[in-house]
Amino acid sequence: MPLPQAIIDRIGASLIDEANADALLSAQGEDGRFLLLFAGDPAQRPEATDLAVIFPELLEAFEGRLSGALVAANAEKSLGQRFQVDVLPSLAVIRGGKTIGVIPRIRDWSEYLEKIEAFLAPDAAPLAKAGPRVEITFSQKGATA
């Protein structure tokens, strides 16, 4: 279940999914900065609604420096993989189509401000692509039939 429409309306941000992600992110040029809200299902993750309320306040605090977009519920898995978001709800700061940082779950206001400010620094490097978290191997040594 996605966020209630009233909260989506309050956010006032674009809705991003697989179909429009590239166009939306490139519309602001190579250095375009976005704050993406990966809310998750509020029925399973009550923090989703809290983060949805905080989201527009963060966009206001960084007005002129960040654009905002709400990740469509049906695109959270695919865009989460693309932008290295493993936990819902989360905020992801994207610059030039690359993830600069991710802030999972609910945090103190000061922590949001501090982390986002650091992610917006000109020298902030994109996150390195992570490999698999678990590697499963099989060895026949000692195996019996």
N, C-alpha and C. Protein backbone atom coordinates (compact mmCIF):
# COMPACT_ATOMS: atom_id res chain seq x y z
N MET A 1 0.86 -1.18 0.00
CA MET A 1 0.00 0.00 0.00
C MET A 1 0.90 1.24 0.00
N PRO A 2 0.68 2.14 -0.96
CA PRO A 2 1.50 3.37 -0.99
C PRO A 2 1.05 4.35 0.08
N LEU A 3 1.81 5.43 0.17
CA LEU A 3 1.44 6.49 1.11
C LEU A 3 0.05 7.01 0.76
N PRO A 4 -0.70 7.46 1.75
CA PRO A 4 -2.01 8.05 1.47
C PRO A 4 -1.88 9.27 0.56
N GLN A 5 -2.86 9.47 -0.30
CA GLN A 5 -2.82 10.55 -1.27
C GLN A 5 -2.65 11.92 -0.62
N ALA A 6 -3.23 12.11 0.56
CA ALA A 6 -3.11 13.41 1.24
C ALA A 6 -1.64 13.72 1.55
N ILE A 7 -0.88 12.70 1.92
CA ILE A 7 0.54 12.92 2.21
C ILE A 7 1.30 13.17 0.92
N ILE A 8 0.97 12.42 -0.13
CA ILE A 8 1.61 12.64 -1.43
C ILE A 8 1.35 14.07 -1.90
N ASP A 9 0.12 14.53 -1.75
CA ASP A 9 -0.23 15.91 -2.14
C ASP A 9 0.55 16.93 -1.32
N ARG A 10 0.72 16.67 -0.03
CA ARG A 10 1.46 17.59 0.84
C ARG A 10 2.93 17.66 0.44
N ILE A 11 3.48 16.52 0.04
CA ILE A 11 4.88 16.49 -0.36
C ILE A 11 5.11 17.41 -1.55
N GLY A 12 4.19 17.40 -2.50
CA GLY A 12 4.30 18.29 -3.65
C GLY A 12 5.51 18.04 -4.53
N ALA A 13 6.03 16.82 -4.52
CA ALA A 13 7.21 16.49 -5.31
C ALA A 13 6.80 15.60 -6.47
N SER A 14 7.66 15.52 -7.45
CA SER A 14 7.43 14.63 -8.58
C SER A 14 7.41 13.19 -8.12
N LEU A 15 6.73 12.36 -8.88
CA LEU A 15 6.72 10.93 -8.64
C LEU A 15 7.71 10.33 -9.63
N ILE A 16 8.65 9.54 -9.14
CA ILE A 16 9.68 8.96 -10.00
C ILE A 16 9.53 7.45 -10.04
N ASP A 17 9.66 6.90 -11.25
CA ASP A 17 9.63 5.45 -11.42
C ASP A 17 10.63 5.07 -12.51
N GLU A 18 10.64 3.80 -12.91
CA GLU A 18 11.62 3.37 -13.91
C GLU A 18 11.45 4.11 -15.24
N ALA A 19 10.20 4.40 -15.60
CA ALA A 19 9.92 5.00 -16.90
C ALA A 19 10.42 6.44 -17.02
N ASN A 20 10.39 7.20 -15.92
CA ASN A 20 10.75 8.62 -16.02
C ASN A 20 12.02 9.00 -15.27
N ALA A 21 12.67 8.03 -14.64
CA ALA A 21 13.83 8.33 -13.78
C ALA A 21 14.92 9.06 -14.54
N ASP A 22 15.34 8.54 -15.68
CA ASP A 22 16.44 9.16 -16.41
C ASP A 22 16.08 10.57 -16.87
N ALA A 23 14.87 10.74 -17.39
CA ALA A 23 14.45 12.06 -17.86
C ALA A 23 14.35 13.05 -16.72
N LEU A 24 13.78 12.62 -15.61
CA LEU A 24 13.63 13.52 -14.46
C LEU A 24 14.98 13.93 -13.89
N LEU A 25 15.86 12.95 -13.72
CA LEU A 25 17.16 13.25 -13.13
C LEU A 25 18.06 14.06 -14.05
N SER A 26 17.93 13.88 -15.35
CA SER A 26 18.79 14.62 -16.29
C SER A 26 18.22 15.98 -16.64
N ALA A 27 16.98 16.25 -16.28
CA ALA A 27 16.34 17.53 -16.61
C ALA A 27 17.07 18.71 -15.97
N GLN A 28 17.79 18.47 -14.90
CA GLN A 28 18.49 19.55 -14.22
C GLN A 28 19.97 19.57 -14.55
N GLY A 29 20.36 18.84 -15.58
CA GLY A 29 21.75 18.86 -16.02
C GLY A 29 22.60 17.85 -15.28
N GLU A 30 23.87 17.80 -15.65
CA GLU A 30 24.80 16.81 -15.09
C GLU A 30 25.00 16.95 -13.59
N ASP A 31 24.79 18.15 -13.07
CA ASP A 31 25.03 18.37 -11.65
C ASP A 31 23.73 18.49 -10.85
N GLY A 32 22.61 18.10 -11.48
CA GLY A 32 21.32 18.19 -10.79
C GLY A 32 21.31 17.37 -9.52
N ARG A 33 20.80 17.96 -8.46
CA ARG A 33 20.77 17.30 -7.15
C ARG A 33 19.33 17.02 -6.75
N PHE A 34 19.11 15.78 -6.33
CA PHE A 34 17.78 15.34 -5.93
C PHE A 34 17.82 14.69 -4.57
N LEU A 35 16.72 14.84 -3.87
CA LEU A 35 16.47 14.10 -2.65
C LEU A 35 15.31 13.17 -2.98
N LEU A 36 15.58 11.87 -2.98
CA LEU A 36 14.56 10.88 -3.28
C LEU A 36 14.03 10.27 -1.99
N LEU A 37 12.73 10.19 -1.89
CA LEU A 37 12.08 9.56 -0.75
C LEU A 37 11.64 8.15 -1.15
N PHE A 38 12.26 7.17 -0.54
CA PHE A 38 11.86 5.78 -0.65
C PHE A 38 11.06 5.48 0.61
N ALA A 39 9.74 5.59 0.53
CA ALA A 39 8.91 5.52 1.73
C ALA A 39 8.65 4.10 2.22
N GLY A 40 8.37 3.19 1.32
CA GLY A 40 7.96 1.87 1.74
C GLY A 40 6.48 1.88 2.11
N ASP A 41 5.99 0.75 2.52
CA ASP A 41 4.59 0.58 2.87
C ASP A 41 4.35 1.03 4.31
N PRO A 42 3.56 2.09 4.50
CA PRO A 42 3.30 2.57 5.86
C PRO A 42 2.63 1.53 6.76
N ALA A 43 1.91 0.57 6.17
CA ALA A 43 1.28 -0.47 6.97
C ALA A 43 2.33 -1.39 7.58
N GLN A 44 3.45 -1.56 6.88
CA GLN A 44 4.53 -2.41 7.38
C GLN A 44 5.61 -1.60 8.09
N ARG A 45 5.76 -0.36 7.69
CA ARG A 45 6.81 0.50 8.24
C ARG A 45 6.20 1.85 8.63
N PRO A 46 5.72 1.97 9.86
CA PRO A 46 5.07 3.21 10.28
C PRO A 46 5.96 4.45 10.14
N GLU A 47 7.28 4.27 10.14
CA GLU A 47 8.20 5.40 9.96
C GLU A 47 8.00 6.06 8.59
N ALA A 48 7.43 5.33 7.64
CA ALA A 48 7.25 5.87 6.29
C ALA A 48 6.43 7.17 6.31
N THR A 49 5.38 7.17 7.07
CA THR A 49 4.54 8.37 7.16
C THR A 49 5.30 9.51 7.82
N ASP A 50 6.06 9.21 8.87
CA ASP A 50 6.85 10.24 9.54
C ASP A 50 7.86 10.86 8.58
N LEU A 51 8.55 10.01 7.82
CA LEU A 51 9.55 10.52 6.89
C LEU A 51 8.90 11.32 5.77
N ALA A 52 7.70 10.91 5.36
CA ALA A 52 6.98 11.66 4.33
C ALA A 52 6.60 13.06 4.82
N VAL A 53 6.38 13.21 6.11
CA VAL A 53 6.07 14.52 6.69
C VAL A 53 7.34 15.37 6.78
N ILE A 54 8.46 14.74 7.08
CA ILE A 54 9.74 15.44 7.20
C ILE A 54 10.28 15.87 5.83
N PHE A 55 10.03 15.06 4.82
CA PHE A 55 10.58 15.26 3.48
C PHE A 55 10.39 16.68 2.93
N PRO A 56 9.17 17.22 2.91
CA PRO A 56 9.02 18.59 2.38
C PRO A 56 9.73 19.65 3.22
N GLU A 57 9.85 19.38 4.52
CA GLU A 57 10.58 20.31 5.38
C GLU A 57 12.06 20.33 5.01
N LEU A 58 12.61 19.18 4.67
CA LEU A 58 14.00 19.12 4.24
C LEU A 58 14.19 19.84 2.90
N LEU A 59 13.24 19.64 2.00
CA LEU A 59 13.33 20.34 0.70
C LEU A 59 13.29 21.85 0.90
N GLU A 60 12.49 22.29 1.85
CA GLU A 60 12.42 23.72 2.16
C GLU A 60 13.73 24.21 2.78
N ALA A 61 14.31 23.40 3.66
CA ALA A 61 15.57 23.77 4.31
C ALA A 61 16.71 23.88 3.30
N PHE A 62 16.63 23.11 2.23
CA PHE A 62 17.68 23.13 1.20
C PHE A 62 17.15 23.70 -0.12
N GLU A 63 16.20 24.61 0.01
CA GLU A 63 15.56 25.21 -1.16
C GLU A 63 16.60 25.80 -2.11
N GLY A 64 16.43 25.50 -3.39
CA GLY A 64 17.35 25.99 -4.40
C GLY A 64 18.58 25.12 -4.56
N ARG A 65 18.77 24.18 -3.65
CA ARG A 65 19.95 23.30 -3.72
C ARG A 65 19.58 21.86 -4.00
N LEU A 66 18.32 21.50 -3.78
CA LEU A 66 17.83 20.14 -3.98
C LEU A 66 16.44 20.17 -4.59
N SER A 67 16.19 19.27 -5.51
CA SER A 67 14.83 19.01 -5.96
C SER A 67 14.40 17.72 -5.30
N GLY A 68 13.11 17.53 -5.17
CA GLY A 68 12.63 16.33 -4.50
C GLY A 68 11.78 15.48 -5.40
N ALA A 69 11.81 14.19 -5.14
CA ALA A 69 10.95 13.25 -5.85
C ALA A 69 10.60 12.10 -4.92
N LEU A 70 9.37 11.67 -5.02
CA LEU A 70 8.87 10.52 -4.27
C LEU A 70 8.97 9.31 -5.18
N VAL A 71 9.62 8.27 -4.72
CA VAL A 71 9.75 7.05 -5.51
C VAL A 71 8.42 6.30 -5.47
N ALA A 72 7.89 6.00 -6.65
CA ALA A 72 6.63 5.27 -6.75
C ALA A 72 6.76 3.92 -6.05
N ALA A 73 5.72 3.52 -5.38
CA ALA A 73 5.74 2.27 -4.60
C ALA A 73 6.16 1.08 -5.47
N ASN A 74 5.68 1.03 -6.72
CA ASN A 74 6.01 -0.11 -7.57
C ASN A 74 7.42 -0.04 -8.14
N ALA A 75 8.14 1.05 -7.89
CA ALA A 75 9.51 1.20 -8.40
C ALA A 75 10.55 1.19 -7.29
N GLU A 76 10.11 1.02 -6.04
CA GLU A 76 11.06 1.09 -4.92
C GLU A 76 12.12 0.01 -4.99
N LYS A 77 11.77 -1.17 -5.41
CA LYS A 77 12.75 -2.26 -5.46
C LYS A 77 13.79 -1.99 -6.55
N SER A 78 13.35 -1.71 -7.76
CA SER A 78 14.29 -1.51 -8.86
C SER A 78 15.12 -0.24 -8.68
N LEU A 79 14.48 0.86 -8.30
CA LEU A 79 15.24 2.09 -8.09
C LEU A 79 16.08 2.01 -6.82
N GLY A 80 15.63 1.23 -5.86
CA GLY A 80 16.44 1.00 -4.66
C GLY A 80 17.75 0.32 -5.01
N GLN A 81 17.69 -0.65 -5.90
CA GLN A 81 18.92 -1.31 -6.36
C GLN A 81 19.80 -0.32 -7.12
N ARG A 82 19.19 0.45 -7.98
CA ARG A 82 19.94 1.42 -8.79
C ARG A 82 20.64 2.46 -7.93
N PHE A 83 19.94 2.94 -6.89
CA PHE A 83 20.46 4.03 -6.07
C PHE A 83 20.99 3.57 -4.71
N GLN A 84 21.19 2.27 -4.55
CA GLN A 84 21.83 1.69 -3.36
C GLN A 84 21.05 1.93 -2.07
N VAL A 85 19.75 1.80 -2.16
CA VAL A 85 18.88 1.94 -0.99
C VAL A 85 18.44 0.54 -0.58
N ASP A 86 18.88 0.13 0.61
CA ASP A 86 18.58 -1.22 1.11
C ASP A 86 17.50 -1.24 2.18
N VAL A 87 17.25 -0.11 2.81
CA VAL A 87 16.33 -0.04 3.95
C VAL A 87 15.22 0.95 3.62
N LEU A 88 13.99 0.57 3.95
CA LEU A 88 12.86 1.47 3.77
C LEU A 88 12.31 1.80 5.14
N PRO A 89 11.92 3.03 5.37
CA PRO A 89 12.06 4.19 4.50
C PRO A 89 13.49 4.75 4.52
N SER A 90 13.85 5.42 3.44
CA SER A 90 15.16 6.06 3.33
C SER A 90 15.07 7.29 2.45
N LEU A 91 16.04 8.15 2.62
CA LEU A 91 16.24 9.29 1.74
C LEU A 91 17.56 9.06 1.01
N ALA A 92 17.58 9.35 -0.28
CA ALA A 92 18.82 9.22 -1.05
C ALA A 92 19.11 10.56 -1.71
N VAL A 93 20.35 11.01 -1.58
CA VAL A 93 20.79 12.23 -2.25
C VAL A 93 21.50 11.81 -3.53
N ILE A 94 20.98 12.31 -4.64
CA ILE A 94 21.47 11.94 -5.96
C ILE A 94 22.04 13.19 -6.62
N ARG A 95 23.23 13.04 -7.22
CA ARG A 95 23.83 14.15 -7.98
C ARG A 95 24.27 13.59 -9.32
N GLY A 96 23.81 14.21 -10.39
CA GLY A 96 24.18 13.74 -11.72
C GLY A 96 23.80 12.30 -11.97
N GLY A 97 22.72 11.85 -11.38
CA GLY A 97 22.25 10.49 -11.57
C GLY A 97 22.94 9.45 -10.71
N LYS A 98 23.87 9.87 -9.86
CA LYS A 98 24.61 8.94 -9.00
C LYS A 98 24.30 9.21 -7.53
N THR A 99 24.28 8.15 -6.76
CA THR A 99 23.99 8.27 -5.33
C THR A 99 25.20 8.81 -4.59
N ILE A 100 24.97 9.92 -3.88
CA ILE A 100 26.02 10.51 -3.06
C ILE A 100 25.91 10.00 -1.63
N GLY A 101 24.69 9.76 -1.17
CA GLY A 101 24.49 9.26 0.17
C GLY A 101 23.07 8.81 0.42
N VAL A 102 22.90 7.94 1.40
CA VAL A 102 21.59 7.43 1.78
C VAL A 102 21.44 7.58 3.29
N ILE A 103 20.26 8.05 3.70
CA ILE A 103 19.94 8.18 5.13
C ILE A 103 18.73 7.28 5.40
N PRO A 104 18.97 6.14 6.05
CA PRO A 104 17.86 5.24 6.33
C PRO A 104 17.10 5.62 7.59
N ARG A 105 15.82 5.30 7.58
CA ARG A 105 14.93 5.44 8.74
C ARG A 105 14.84 6.89 9.24
N ILE A 106 14.23 7.02 10.39
CA ILE A 106 14.03 8.33 11.00
C ILE A 106 15.28 8.72 11.80
N ARG A 107 15.66 9.98 11.68
CA ARG A 107 16.84 10.53 12.37
C ARG A 107 16.44 11.83 13.07
N ASP A 108 17.34 12.34 13.88
CA ASP A 108 17.15 13.67 14.46
C ASP A 108 17.28 14.69 13.34
N TRP A 109 16.56 15.78 13.47
CA TRP A 109 16.59 16.85 12.47
C TRP A 109 18.03 17.31 12.19
N SER A 110 18.80 17.48 13.24
CA SER A 110 20.18 17.96 13.08
C SER A 110 21.02 16.97 12.27
N GLU A 111 20.74 15.69 12.43
CA GLU A 111 21.49 14.69 11.67
C GLU A 111 21.14 14.76 10.18
N TYR A 112 19.87 14.98 9.86
CA TYR A 112 19.49 15.16 8.46
C TYR A 112 20.24 16.36 7.87
N LEU A 113 20.20 17.47 8.58
CA LEU A 113 20.85 18.68 8.07
C LEU A 113 22.34 18.47 7.87
N GLU A 114 22.98 17.84 8.84
CA GLU A 114 24.43 17.61 8.77
C GLU A 114 24.79 16.68 7.61
N LYS A 115 24.07 15.57 7.49
CA LYS A 115 24.39 14.60 6.44
C LYS A 115 24.10 15.14 5.05
N ILE A 116 22.96 15.78 4.88
CA ILE A 116 22.61 16.31 3.56
C ILE A 116 23.59 17.41 3.17
N GLU A 117 23.95 18.25 4.10
CA GLU A 117 24.94 19.30 3.82
C GLU A 117 26.25 18.67 3.34
N ALA A 118 26.69 17.60 4.00
CA ALA A 118 27.92 16.92 3.59
C ALA A 118 27.75 16.29 2.21
N PHE A 119 26.58 15.72 1.93
CA PHE A 119 26.35 15.11 0.62
C PHE A 119 26.32 16.16 -0.49
N LEU A 120 25.96 17.39 -0.15
CA LEU A 120 25.90 18.46 -1.16
C LEU A 120 27.24 19.15 -1.39
N ALA A 121 28.23 18.84 -0.57
CA ALA A 121 29.55 19.45 -0.73
C ALA A 121 30.09 19.11 -2.13
N PRO A 122 30.75 20.08 -2.77
CA PRO A 122 31.27 19.84 -4.13
C PRO A 122 32.22 18.65 -4.22
N ASP A 123 32.92 18.35 -3.15
CA ASP A 123 33.88 17.24 -3.18
C ASP A 123 33.29 15.91 -2.69
N ALA A 124 31.97 15.86 -2.45
CA ALA A 124 31.34 14.61 -2.01
C ALA A 124 31.35 13.62 -3.16
N ALA A 125 31.94 12.47 -2.92
CA ALA A 125 32.06 11.44 -3.96
C ALA A 125 30.84 10.53 -3.96
N PRO A 126 30.47 10.04 -5.13
CA PRO A 126 29.37 9.07 -5.19
C PRO A 126 29.73 7.81 -4.41
N LEU A 127 28.71 7.13 -3.91
CA LEU A 127 28.92 5.87 -3.22
C LEU A 127 29.49 4.85 -4.19
N ALA A 128 30.42 4.06 -3.72
CA ALA A 128 30.95 2.98 -4.55
C ALA A 128 29.89 1.90 -4.66
N LYS A 129 29.82 1.31 -5.82
CA LYS A 129 28.87 0.21 -6.00
C LYS A 129 29.30 -0.95 -5.12
N ALA A 130 28.37 -1.41 -4.32
CA ALA A 130 28.66 -2.53 -3.42
C ALA A 130 28.45 -3.84 -4.15
N GLY A 131 29.28 -4.79 -3.85
CA GLY A 131 29.13 -6.13 -4.40
C GLY A 131 28.10 -6.89 -3.60
N PRO A 132 27.98 -8.16 -3.86
CA PRO A 132 27.02 -8.96 -3.09
C PRO A 132 27.39 -8.96 -1.61
N ARG A 133 26.39 -8.91 -0.77
CA ARG A 133 26.62 -8.91 0.67
C ARG A 133 26.95 -10.30 1.18
N VAL A 134 26.46 -11.31 0.49
CA VAL A 134 26.70 -12.68 0.90
C VAL A 134 27.15 -13.45 -0.33
N GLU A 135 28.19 -14.20 -0.17
CA GLU A 135 28.64 -15.05 -1.26
C GLU A 135 28.48 -16.49 -0.82
N ILE A 136 27.78 -17.25 -1.62
CA ILE A 136 27.54 -18.65 -1.30
C ILE A 136 28.40 -19.48 -2.23
N THR A 137 29.20 -20.34 -1.65
CA THR A 137 30.04 -21.23 -2.44
C THR A 137 29.74 -22.65 -2.05
N PHE A 138 30.06 -23.55 -2.93
CA PHE A 138 29.84 -24.95 -2.67
C PHE A 138 31.12 -25.70 -2.95
N SER A 139 31.48 -26.54 -2.06
CA SER A 139 32.67 -27.35 -2.23
C SER A 139 32.26 -28.81 -2.13
N GLN A 140 32.75 -29.59 -3.07
CA GLN A 140 32.43 -31.01 -3.04
C GLN A 140 33.40 -31.78 -2.16
N LYS A 141 34.39 -31.10 -1.67
CA LYS A 141 35.36 -31.75 -0.80
C LYS A 141 34.64 -32.29 0.45
N GLY A 142 34.79 -33.54 0.67
CA GLY A 142 34.16 -34.14 1.84
C GLY A 142 32.70 -34.50 1.65
N ALA A 143 32.15 -34.21 0.46
CA ALA A 143 30.74 -34.52 0.21
C ALA A 143 30.60 -36.02 -0.06
N THR A 144 29.53 -36.59 0.41
CA THR A 144 29.25 -38.00 0.14
C THR A 144 27.98 -38.12 -0.65
N ALA A 145 27.90 -39.21 -1.39
CA ALA A 145 26.71 -39.41 -2.24
C ALA A 145 25.71 -40.28 -1.57
